[in-house]
C-alpha atoms as a PDB file:
ATOM      1  CA  UNK A   1     -82.810  85.888-165.102  1.00  0.00           C
ATOM      2  CA  UNK A   2     -79.606  87.690-166.401  1.00  0.00           C
ATOM      3  CA  UNK A   3     -76.192  86.091-166.808  1.00  0.00           C
ATOM      4  CA  UNK A   4     -74.517  88.802-164.183  1.00  0.00           C
ATOM      5  CA  UNK A   5     -71.232  90.565-164.040  1.00  0.00           C
ATOM      6  CA  UNK A   6     -69.097  87.269-164.328  1.00  0.00           C
ATOM      7  CA  UNK A   7     -71.048  85.635-167.384  1.00  0.00           C
ATOM      8  CA  UNK A   8     -71.007  89.388-169.333  1.00  0.00           C
ATOM      9  CA  UNK A   9     -66.949  89.042-168.507  1.00  0.00           C
ATOM     10  CA  UNK A  10     -66.821  85.636-170.059  1.00  0.00           C
ATOM     11  CA  UNK A  11     -68.760  86.217-173.067  1.00  0.00           C
ATOM     12  CA  UNK A  12     -66.203  89.268-173.593  1.00  0.00           C
ATOM     13  CA  UNK A  13     -63.119  86.599-173.180  1.00  0.00           C
ATOM     14  CA  UNK A  14     -64.357  84.705-175.377  1.00  0.00           C
ATOM     15  CA  UNK A  15     -65.565  87.157-178.239  1.00  0.00           C
ATOM     16  CA  UNK A  16     -62.098  88.617-177.873  1.00  0.00           C
ATOM     17  CA  UNK A  17     -60.248  85.219-178.077  1.00  0.00           C
ATOM     18  CA  UNK A  18     -62.300  84.053-180.897  1.00  0.00           C
ATOM     19  CA  UNK A  19     -61.446  87.140-182.731  1.00  0.00           C
ATOM     20  CA  UNK A  20     -57.678  86.811-181.812  1.00  0.00           C
ATOM     21  CA  UNK A  21     -57.979  83.144-183.466  1.00  0.00           C
ATOM     22  CA  UNK A  22     -59.250  84.030-186.764  1.00  0.00           C
ATOM     23  CA  UNK A  23     -57.268  87.281-187.101  1.00  0.00           C
ATOM     24  CA  UNK A  24     -53.872  85.606-186.201  1.00  0.00           C
ATOM     25  CA  UNK A  25     -54.381  81.916-187.716  1.00  0.00           C
ATOM     26  CA  UNK A  26     -55.185  83.919-191.273  1.00  0.00           C
ATOM     27  CA  UNK A  27     -52.268  86.321-191.188  1.00  0.00           C
ATOM     28  CA  UNK A  28     -49.519  83.894-189.777  1.00  0.00           C
ATOM     29  CA  UNK A  29     -46.419  84.090-192.052  1.00  0.00           C
ATOM     30  CA  UNK A  30     -46.188  80.063-192.749  1.00  0.00           C
ATOM     31  CA  UNK A  31     -43.436  80.677-195.424  1.00  0.00           C
ATOM     32  CA  UNK A  32     -41.387  81.766-192.214  1.00  0.00           C
ATOM     33  CA  UNK A  33     -42.645  79.281-189.620  1.00  0.00           C
ATOM     34  CA  UNK A  34     -43.161  76.273-191.252  1.00  0.00           C
ATOM     35  CA  UNK A  35     -40.294  74.335-193.082  1.00  0.00           C
ATOM     36  CA  UNK A  36     -42.404  72.530-195.468  1.00  0.00           C
ATOM     37  CA  UNK A  37     -43.256  75.886-197.204  1.00  0.00           C
ATOM     38  CA  UNK A  38     -39.828  76.971-197.340  1.00  0.00           C
ATOM     39  CA  UNK A  39     -38.240  77.347-200.865  1.00  0.00           C
ATOM     40  CA  UNK A  40     -34.558  76.527-201.743  1.00  0.00           C
ATOM     41  CA  UNK A  41     -34.521  80.058-203.854  1.00  0.00           C
ATOM     42  CA  UNK A  42     -35.688  82.263-200.852  1.00  0.00           C
ATOM     43  CA  UNK A  43     -31.816  81.476-199.825  1.00  0.00           C
ATOM     44  CA  UNK A  44     -29.419  84.458-200.091  1.00  0.00           C
ATOM     45  CA  UNK A  45     -27.895  84.073-203.250  1.00  0.00           C
ATOM     46  CA  UNK A  46     -24.197  84.116-204.034  1.00  0.00           C
ATOM     47  CA  UNK A  47     -22.275  85.500-207.322  1.00  0.00           C
ATOM     48  CA  UNK A  48     -22.294  82.236-208.913  1.00  0.00           C
ATOM     49  CA  UNK A  49     -26.300  81.952-208.687  1.00  0.00           C
ATOM     50  CA  UNK A  50     -26.304  79.281-206.263  1.00  0.00           C
ATOM     51  CA  UNK A  51     -28.026  79.814-202.755  1.00  0.00           C
ATOM     52  CA  UNK A  52     -25.497  81.128-200.210  1.00  0.00           C
ATOM     53  CA  UNK A  53     -25.789  78.374-197.048  1.00  0.00           C
ATOM     54  CA  UNK A  54     -23.121  80.102-195.380  1.00  0.00           C
ATOM     55  CA  UNK A  55     -24.711  83.200-194.932  1.00  0.00           C
ATOM     56  CA  UNK A  56     -28.286  82.204-194.464  1.00  0.00           C
ATOM     57  CA  UNK A  57     -27.223  79.847-191.694  1.00  0.00           C
ATOM     58  CA  UNK A  58     -25.443  82.556-189.760  1.00  0.00           C
ATOM     59  CA  UNK A  59     -28.989  84.513-189.534  1.00  0.00           C
ATOM     60  CA  UNK A  60     -30.889  84.044-186.182  1.00  0.00           C
ATOM     61  CA  UNK A  61     -33.827  82.531-185.775  1.00  0.00           C
ATOM     62  CA  UNK A  62     -36.292  82.376-183.202  1.00  0.00           C
ATOM     63  CA  UNK A  63     -36.308  78.934-180.995  1.00  0.00           C
ATOM     64  CA  UNK A  64     -40.117  78.150-181.532  1.00  0.00           C
ATOM     65  CA  UNK A  65     -42.152  79.347-184.697  1.00  0.00           C
ATOM     66  CA  UNK A  66     -44.716  82.223-184.132  1.00  0.00           C
ATOM     67  CA  UNK A  67     -47.858  79.988-184.299  1.00  0.00           C
ATOM     68  CA  UNK A  68     -46.403  77.904-181.362  1.00  0.00           C
ATOM     69  CA  UNK A  69     -45.813  80.386-179.392  1.00  0.00           C
ATOM     70  CA  UNK A  70     -49.198  82.126-179.854  1.00  0.00           C
ATOM     71  CA  UNK A  71     -50.896  79.139-179.355  1.00  0.00           C
ATOM     72  CA  UNK A  72     -49.005  77.961-176.192  1.00  0.00           C
ATOM     73  CA  UNK A  73     -49.897  81.457-174.553  1.00  0.00           C
ATOM     74  CA  UNK A  74     -53.706  80.882-175.253  1.00  0.00           C
ATOM     75  CA  UNK A  75     -53.858  77.499-174.255  1.00  0.00           C
ATOM     76  CA  UNK A  76     -52.073  78.631-170.424  1.00  0.00           C
ATOM     77  CA  UNK A  77     -54.694  81.218-170.427  1.00  0.00           C
ATOM     78  CA  UNK A  78     -57.349  78.905-171.345  1.00  0.00           C
ATOM     79  CA  UNK A  79     -56.116  76.119-168.903  1.00  0.00           C
ATOM     80  CA  UNK A  80     -56.102  78.773-166.278  1.00  0.00           C
ATOM     81  CA  UNK A  81     -59.762  79.923-166.501  1.00  0.00           C
ATOM     82  CA  UNK A  82     -60.647  76.689-166.838  1.00  0.00           C
ATOM     83  CA  UNK A  83     -58.935  75.027-164.020  1.00  0.00           C
ATOM     84  CA  UNK A  84     -59.938  77.841-161.391  1.00  0.00           C
ATOM     85  CA  UNK A  85     -63.362  78.258-162.766  1.00  0.00           C
ATOM     86  CA  UNK A  86     -63.866  74.334-162.518  1.00  0.00           C
ATOM     87  CA  UNK A  87     -62.791  74.656-158.622  1.00  0.00           C
ATOM     88  CA  UNK A  88     -65.765  76.641-157.856  1.00  0.00           C
ATOM     89  CA  UNK A  89     -67.616  74.213-159.701  1.00  0.00           C
ATOM     90  CA  UNK A  90     -66.397  71.362-157.879  1.00  0.00           C
ATOM     91  CA  UNK A  91     -67.015  73.593-154.523  1.00  0.00           C
ATOM     92  CA  UNK A  92     -70.650  73.201-155.567  1.00  0.00           C
ATOM     93  CA  UNK A  93     -70.930  69.658-155.548  1.00  0.00           C
ATOM     94  CA  UNK A  94     -67.865  67.738-153.972  1.00  0.00           C
ATOM     95  CA  UNK A  95     -66.801  64.511-155.100  1.00  0.00           C
ATOM     96  CA  UNK A  96     -64.544  64.024-152.373  1.00  0.00           C
ATOM     97  CA  UNK A  97     -64.193  65.374-148.655  1.00  0.00           C
ATOM     98  CA  UNK A  98     -62.170  68.942-149.178  1.00  0.00           C
ATOM     99  CA  UNK A  99     -63.547  71.942-151.165  1.00  0.00           C
ATOM    100  CA  UNK A 100     -60.964  74.364-153.002  1.00  0.00           C
ATOM    101  CA  UNK A 101     -60.486  78.121-150.959  1.00  0.00           C
ATOM    102  CA  UNK A 102     -62.604  80.699-152.595  1.00  0.00           C
ATOM    103  CA  UNK A 103     -59.907  82.797-153.066  1.00  0.00           C
ATOM    104  CA  UNK A 104     -58.462  80.637-155.591  1.00  0.00           C
ATOM    105  CA  UNK A 105     -61.555  80.115-157.597  1.00  0.00           C
ATOM    106  CA  UNK A 106     -63.271  82.099-160.487  1.00  0.00           C
ATOM    107  CA  UNK A 107     -66.791  82.815-161.412  1.00  0.00           C
ATOM    108  CA  UNK A 108     -67.957  84.063-157.790  1.00  0.00           C
ATOM    109  CA  UNK A 109     -70.877  81.771-157.938  1.00  0.00           C
ATOM    110  CA  UNK A 110     -72.145  78.513-159.580  1.00  0.00           C
ATOM    111  CA  UNK A 111     -73.696  80.346-162.311  1.00  0.00           C
ATOM    112  CA  UNK A 112     -70.940  82.619-162.754  1.00  0.00           C
ATOM    113  CA  UNK A 113     -68.134  79.759-162.674  1.00  0.00           C
ATOM    114  CA  UNK A 114     -70.091  77.760-165.293  1.00  0.00           C
ATOM    115  CA  UNK A 115     -70.024  80.418-167.741  1.00  0.00           C
ATOM    116  CA  UNK A 116     -66.837  81.251-167.513  1.00  0.00           C
ATOM    117  CA  UNK A 117     -65.914  77.248-167.665  1.00  0.00           C
ATOM    118  CA  UNK A 118     -67.589  77.383-170.934  1.00  0.00           C
ATOM    119  CA  UNK A 119     -66.412  80.155-172.849  1.00  0.00           C
ATOM    120  CA  UNK A 120     -62.749  78.725-171.637  1.00  0.00           C
ATOM    121  CA  UNK A 121     -63.764  75.321-172.725  1.00  0.00           C
ATOM    122  CA  UNK A 122     -64.362  76.718-176.291  1.00  0.00           C
ATOM    123  CA  UNK A 123     -61.146  78.832-176.222  1.00  0.00           C
ATOM    124  CA  UNK A 124     -59.462  75.799-175.302  1.00  0.00           C
ATOM    125  CA  UNK A 125     -60.652  73.191-177.812  1.00  0.00           C
ATOM    126  CA  UNK A 126     -60.323  75.815-180.474  1.00  0.00           C
ATOM    127  CA  UNK A 127     -56.858  76.453-179.546  1.00  0.00           C
ATOM    128  CA  UNK A 128     -55.919  73.012-179.281  1.00  0.00           C
ATOM    129  CA  UNK A 129     -57.350  72.026-182.996  1.00  0.00           C
ATOM    130  CA  UNK A 130     -55.297  74.689-184.512  1.00  0.00           C
ATOM    131  CA  UNK A 131     -52.228  73.714-182.177  1.00  0.00           C
ATOM    132  CA  UNK A 132     -52.595  70.192-183.506  1.00  0.00           C
ATOM    133  CA  UNK A 133     -53.618  71.116-187.197  1.00  0.00           C
ATOM    134  CA  UNK A 134     -50.402  73.050-187.574  1.00  0.00           C
ATOM    135  CA  UNK A 135     -48.324  70.174-185.924  1.00  0.00           C
ATOM    136  CA  UNK A 136     -50.014  67.686-188.354  1.00  0.00           C
ATOM    137  CA  UNK A 137     -49.652  69.709-191.548  1.00  0.00           C
ATOM    138  CA  UNK A 138     -46.095  70.680-190.927  1.00  0.00           C
ATOM    139  CA  UNK A 139     -44.853  67.358-190.075  1.00  0.00           C
ATOM    140  CA  UNK A 140     -43.614  69.028-186.647  1.00  0.00           C
ATOM    141  CA  UNK A 141     -45.713  66.405-184.365  1.00  0.00           C
ATOM    142  CA  UNK A 142     -43.451  63.476-185.931  1.00  0.00           C
ATOM    143  CA  UNK A 143     -40.173  65.228-185.939  1.00  0.00           C
ATOM    144  CA  UNK A 144     -40.620  66.858-182.237  1.00  0.00           C
ATOM    145  CA  UNK A 145     -42.176  64.297-180.206  1.00  0.00           C
ATOM    146  CA  UNK A 146     -41.308  60.833-182.137  1.00  0.00           C
ATOM    147  CA  UNK A 147     -39.669  58.359-181.568  1.00  0.00           C
ATOM    148  CA  UNK A 148     -40.055  58.066-177.939  1.00  0.00           C
ATOM    149  CA  UNK A 149     -39.797  54.907-175.645  1.00  0.00           C
ATOM    150  CA  UNK A 150     -39.842  53.649-172.020  1.00  0.00           C
ATOM    151  CA  UNK A 151     -35.939  53.021-172.281  1.00  0.00           C
ATOM    152  CA  UNK A 152     -35.351  56.417-173.655  1.00  0.00           C
ATOM    153  CA  UNK A 153     -37.446  58.014-171.289  1.00  0.00           C
ATOM    154  CA  UNK A 154     -35.608  56.423-168.399  1.00  0.00           C
ATOM    155  CA  UNK A 155     -32.769  56.974-170.026  1.00  0.00           C
ATOM    156  CA  UNK A 156     -33.022  60.782-170.442  1.00  0.00           C
ATOM    157  CA  UNK A 157     -34.942  60.948-167.159  1.00  0.00           C
ATOM    158  CA  UNK A 158     -31.341  59.503-165.293  1.00  0.00           C
ATOM    159  CA  UNK A 159     -29.511  61.936-167.206  1.00  0.00           C
ATOM    160  CA  UNK A 160     -31.645  65.079-166.204  1.00  0.00           C
ATOM    161  CA  UNK A 161     -31.785  63.943-162.405  1.00  0.00           C
ATOM    162  CA  UNK A 162     -27.626  63.628-162.578  1.00  0.00           C
ATOM    163  CA  UNK A 163     -27.747  67.213-164.428  1.00  0.00           C
ATOM    164  CA  UNK A 164     -25.924  65.498-167.410  1.00  0.00           C
ATOM    165  CA  UNK A 165     -28.928  66.680-169.946  1.00  0.00           C
ATOM    166  CA  UNK A 166     -28.117  69.376-172.383  1.00  0.00           C
ATOM    167  CA  UNK A 167     -30.384  72.414-173.213  1.00  0.00           C
ATOM    168  CA  UNK A 168     -28.482  73.861-175.948  1.00  0.00           C
ATOM    169  CA  UNK A 169     -31.032  73.298-178.967  1.00  0.00           C
ATOM    170  CA  UNK A 170     -34.379  74.358-177.522  1.00  0.00           C
ATOM    171  CA  UNK A 171     -36.299  73.489-180.260  1.00  0.00           C
ATOM    172  CA  UNK A 172     -35.222  69.338-179.789  1.00  0.00           C
ATOM    173  CA  UNK A 173     -37.037  67.711-177.167  1.00  0.00           C
ATOM    174  CA  UNK A 174     -35.158  65.104-174.986  1.00  0.00           C
ATOM    175  CA  UNK A 175     -37.665  61.688-174.519  1.00  0.00           C
ATOM    176  CA  UNK A 176     -39.048  62.796-170.905  1.00  0.00           C
ATOM    177  CA  UNK A 177     -40.370  66.060-172.712  1.00  0.00           C
ATOM    178  CA  UNK A 178     -41.804  64.033-175.768  1.00  0.00           C
ATOM    179  CA  UNK A 179     -43.666  61.665-173.164  1.00  0.00           C
ATOM    180  CA  UNK A 180     -44.756  64.743-171.049  1.00  0.00           C
ATOM    181  CA  UNK A 181     -45.939  66.828-173.938  1.00  0.00           C
ATOM    182  CA  UNK A 182     -47.693  63.488-175.613  1.00  0.00           C
ATOM    183  CA  UNK A 183     -49.166  63.010-172.291  1.00  0.00           C
ATOM    184  CA  UNK A 184     -50.608  66.352-171.465  1.00  0.00           C
ATOM    185  CA  UNK A 185     -52.463  66.008-175.314  1.00  0.00           C
ATOM    186  CA  UNK A 186     -53.960  63.146-174.441  1.00  0.00           C
ATOM    187  CA  UNK A 187     -55.112  64.342-171.116  1.00  0.00           C
ATOM    188  CA  UNK A 188     -56.669  67.734-172.337  1.00  0.00           C
ATOM    189  CA  UNK A 189     -58.584  65.404-174.561  1.00  0.00           C
ATOM    190  CA  UNK A 190     -60.097  63.475-172.046  1.00  0.00           C
ATOM    191  CA  UNK A 191     -60.752  66.660-170.438  1.00  0.00           C
ATOM    192  CA  UNK A 192     -62.634  67.673-173.322  1.00  0.00           C
ATOM    193  CA  UNK A 193     -64.656  64.362-173.440  1.00  0.00           C
ATOM    194  CA  UNK A 194     -65.389  64.087-169.771  1.00  0.00           C
ATOM    195  CA  UNK A 195     -66.414  67.644-169.937  1.00  0.00           C
ATOM    196  CA  UNK A 196     -69.278  67.201-173.088  1.00  0.00           C
ATOM    197  CA  UNK A 197     -70.668  64.050-170.370  1.00  0.00           C
ATOM    198  CA  UNK A 198     -71.311  66.795-167.872  1.00  0.00           C
ATOM    199  CA  UNK A 199     -72.368  69.466-170.115  1.00  0.00           C
ATOM    200  CA  UNK A 200     -74.624  67.319-172.501  1.00  0.00           C
ATOM    201  CA  UNK A 201     -74.855  63.923-170.480  1.00  0.00           C
ATOM    202  CA  UNK A 202     -78.058  62.769-172.709  1.00  0.00           C
ATOM    203  CA  UNK A 203     -76.801  63.882-175.874  1.00  0.00           C
ATOM    204  CA  UNK A 204     -73.165  61.592-175.451  1.00  0.00           C
ATOM    205  CA  UNK A 205     -75.205  58.163-174.331  1.00  0.00           C
ATOM    206  CA  UNK A 206     -72.530  56.018-175.554  1.00  0.00           C
ATOM    207  CA  UNK A 207     -69.468  58.589-174.399  1.00  0.00           C
ATOM    208  CA  UNK A 208     -71.212  58.602-171.098  1.00  0.00           C
ATOM    209  CA  UNK A 209     -71.322  54.672-170.705  1.00  0.00           C
ATOM    210  CA  UNK A 210     -67.494  54.704-171.989  1.00  0.00           C
ATOM    211  CA  UNK A 211     -66.674  56.885-168.974  1.00  0.00           C
ATOM    212  CA  UNK A 212     -68.603  54.764-166.469  1.00  0.00           C
ATOM    213  CA  UNK A 213     -71.635  57.060-166.248  1.00  0.00           C
ATOM    214  CA  UNK A 214     -72.115  60.478-165.380  1.00  0.00           C
ATOM    215  CA  UNK A 215     -70.344  59.874-161.822  1.00  0.00           C
ATOM    216  CA  UNK A 216     -67.504  57.912-163.277  1.00  0.00           C
ATOM    217  CA  UNK A 217     -67.014  60.995-165.973  1.00  0.00           C
ATOM    218  CA  UNK A 218     -67.078  63.508-162.954  1.00  0.00           C
ATOM    219  CA  UNK A 219     -64.036  61.546-161.414  1.00  0.00           C
ATOM    220  CA  UNK A 220     -62.257  61.088-164.717  1.00  0.00           C
ATOM    221  CA  UNK A 221     -62.713  64.622-165.416  1.00  0.00           C
ATOM    222  CA  UNK A 222     -61.311  65.784-161.789  1.00  0.00           C
ATOM    223  CA  UNK A 223     -58.346  63.689-161.926  1.00  0.00           C
ATOM    224  CA  UNK A 224     -57.690  64.618-165.363  1.00  0.00           C
ATOM    225  CA  UNK A 225     -58.036  68.027-164.092  1.00  0.00           C
ATOM    226  CA  UNK A 226     -55.618  66.896-161.076  1.00  0.00           C
ATOM    227  CA  UNK A 227     -52.835  65.602-163.582  1.00  0.00           C
ATOM    228  CA  UNK A 228     -52.896  68.775-166.042  1.00  0.00           C
ATOM    229  CA  UNK A 229     -52.411  70.984-162.664  1.00  0.00           C
ATOM    230  CA  UNK A 230     -49.581  68.698-162.038  1.00  0.00           C
ATOM    231  CA  UNK A 231     -47.995  68.817-165.361  1.00  0.00           C
ATOM    232  CA  UNK A 232     -48.076  72.448-164.949  1.00  0.00           C
ATOM    233  CA  UNK A 233     -46.467  72.744-161.655  1.00  0.00           C
ATOM    234  CA  UNK A 234     -43.513  70.542-163.055  1.00  0.00           C
ATOM    235  CA  UNK A 235     -43.372  72.799-166.029  1.00  0.00           C
ATOM    236  CA  UNK A 236     -43.311  75.759-163.882  1.00  0.00           C
ATOM    237  CA  UNK A 237     -40.131  74.146-161.879  1.00  0.00           C
ATOM    238  CA  UNK A 238     -38.228  73.523-165.074  1.00  0.00           C
ATOM    239  CA  UNK A 239     -38.913  76.964-166.522  1.00  0.00           C
ATOM    240  CA  UNK A 240     -37.445  78.072-163.199  1.00  0.00           C
ATOM    241  CA  UNK A 241     -34.493  75.692-163.405  1.00  0.00           C
ATOM    242  CA  UNK A 242     -33.702  76.671-167.349  1.00  0.00           C
ATOM    243  CA  UNK A 243     -34.603  80.508-167.863  1.00  0.00           C
ATOM    244  CA  UNK A 244     -33.728  80.756-171.466  1.00  0.00           C
ATOM    245  CA  UNK A 245     -36.854  78.179-172.258  1.00  0.00           C
ATOM    246  CA  UNK A 246     -38.887  81.426-170.838  1.00  0.00           C
ATOM    247  CA  UNK A 247     -37.377  83.765-173.017  1.00  0.00           C
ATOM    248  CA  UNK A 248     -37.513  81.537-175.943  1.00  0.00           C
ATOM    249  CA  UNK A 249     -41.135  81.042-175.924  1.00  0.00           C
ATOM    250  CA  UNK A 250     -41.822  84.889-175.233  1.00  0.00           C
ATOM    251  CA  UNK A 251     -39.570  85.082-178.728  1.00  0.00           C
ATOM    252  CA  UNK A 252     -36.497  87.042-177.243  1.00  0.00           C
ATOM    253  CA  UNK A 253     -34.092  84.632-177.372  1.00  0.00           C
ATOM    254  CA  UNK A 254     -32.544  83.833-180.992  1.00  0.00           C
ATOM    255  CA  UNK A 255     -30.272  81.115-182.438  1.00  0.00           C
ATOM    256  CA  UNK A 256     -28.422  80.611-185.327  1.00  0.00           C
ATOM    257  CA  UNK A 257     -30.200  78.977-188.054  1.00  0.00           C
END
């Protein structure tokens, strides 16, 4: 039996995504995007031979580095493909007494949905590893996401609800954002691990047992998906409230360095 039109399209998407990931990852200009690779002598020089900090500090820079914007949009595409194809897979064997409308699912039929899901799975996993690697090796993970404490999260949440939380520096995350982004990293990891159990249950016996068996892994996968969708909805609402965050992620909005 052939893959069908859905499977062929999924395969094309995967091949294109893999090629883009390799090309962009290799050709990213690390000296410009990662602070740890910047050299003092790359600053404009004054007549005295010393770096001209006044001139360099006035030059505009993007709010987010290129690698972050690139992985962000790839991740958004991968999540869209995985969620909508996952809804079609769910409809074939519902856990609960409801199904998702076919109009918002991807794949057309179970086989096509599985092929889309597997293609997007590798897409999401590779992109996630690239994102994590850049964050770790650049030191951005520690700088941007820590510290985070329950007290700090509650303080910033209360300030946000009162309209007192500033958004002048989009490169600085408040503690609510830090907690949310750290949560979604853990949630996507849980999605991948539970998905491995559903895909290759026999090959991952220990992981299967940790997730309360195959049926338990189905429920973990479902609720992790629901939490991810909830995060995306809140994220979109916040973007609508602060539109300049979208411009920054596209790369249009510049800030003074």
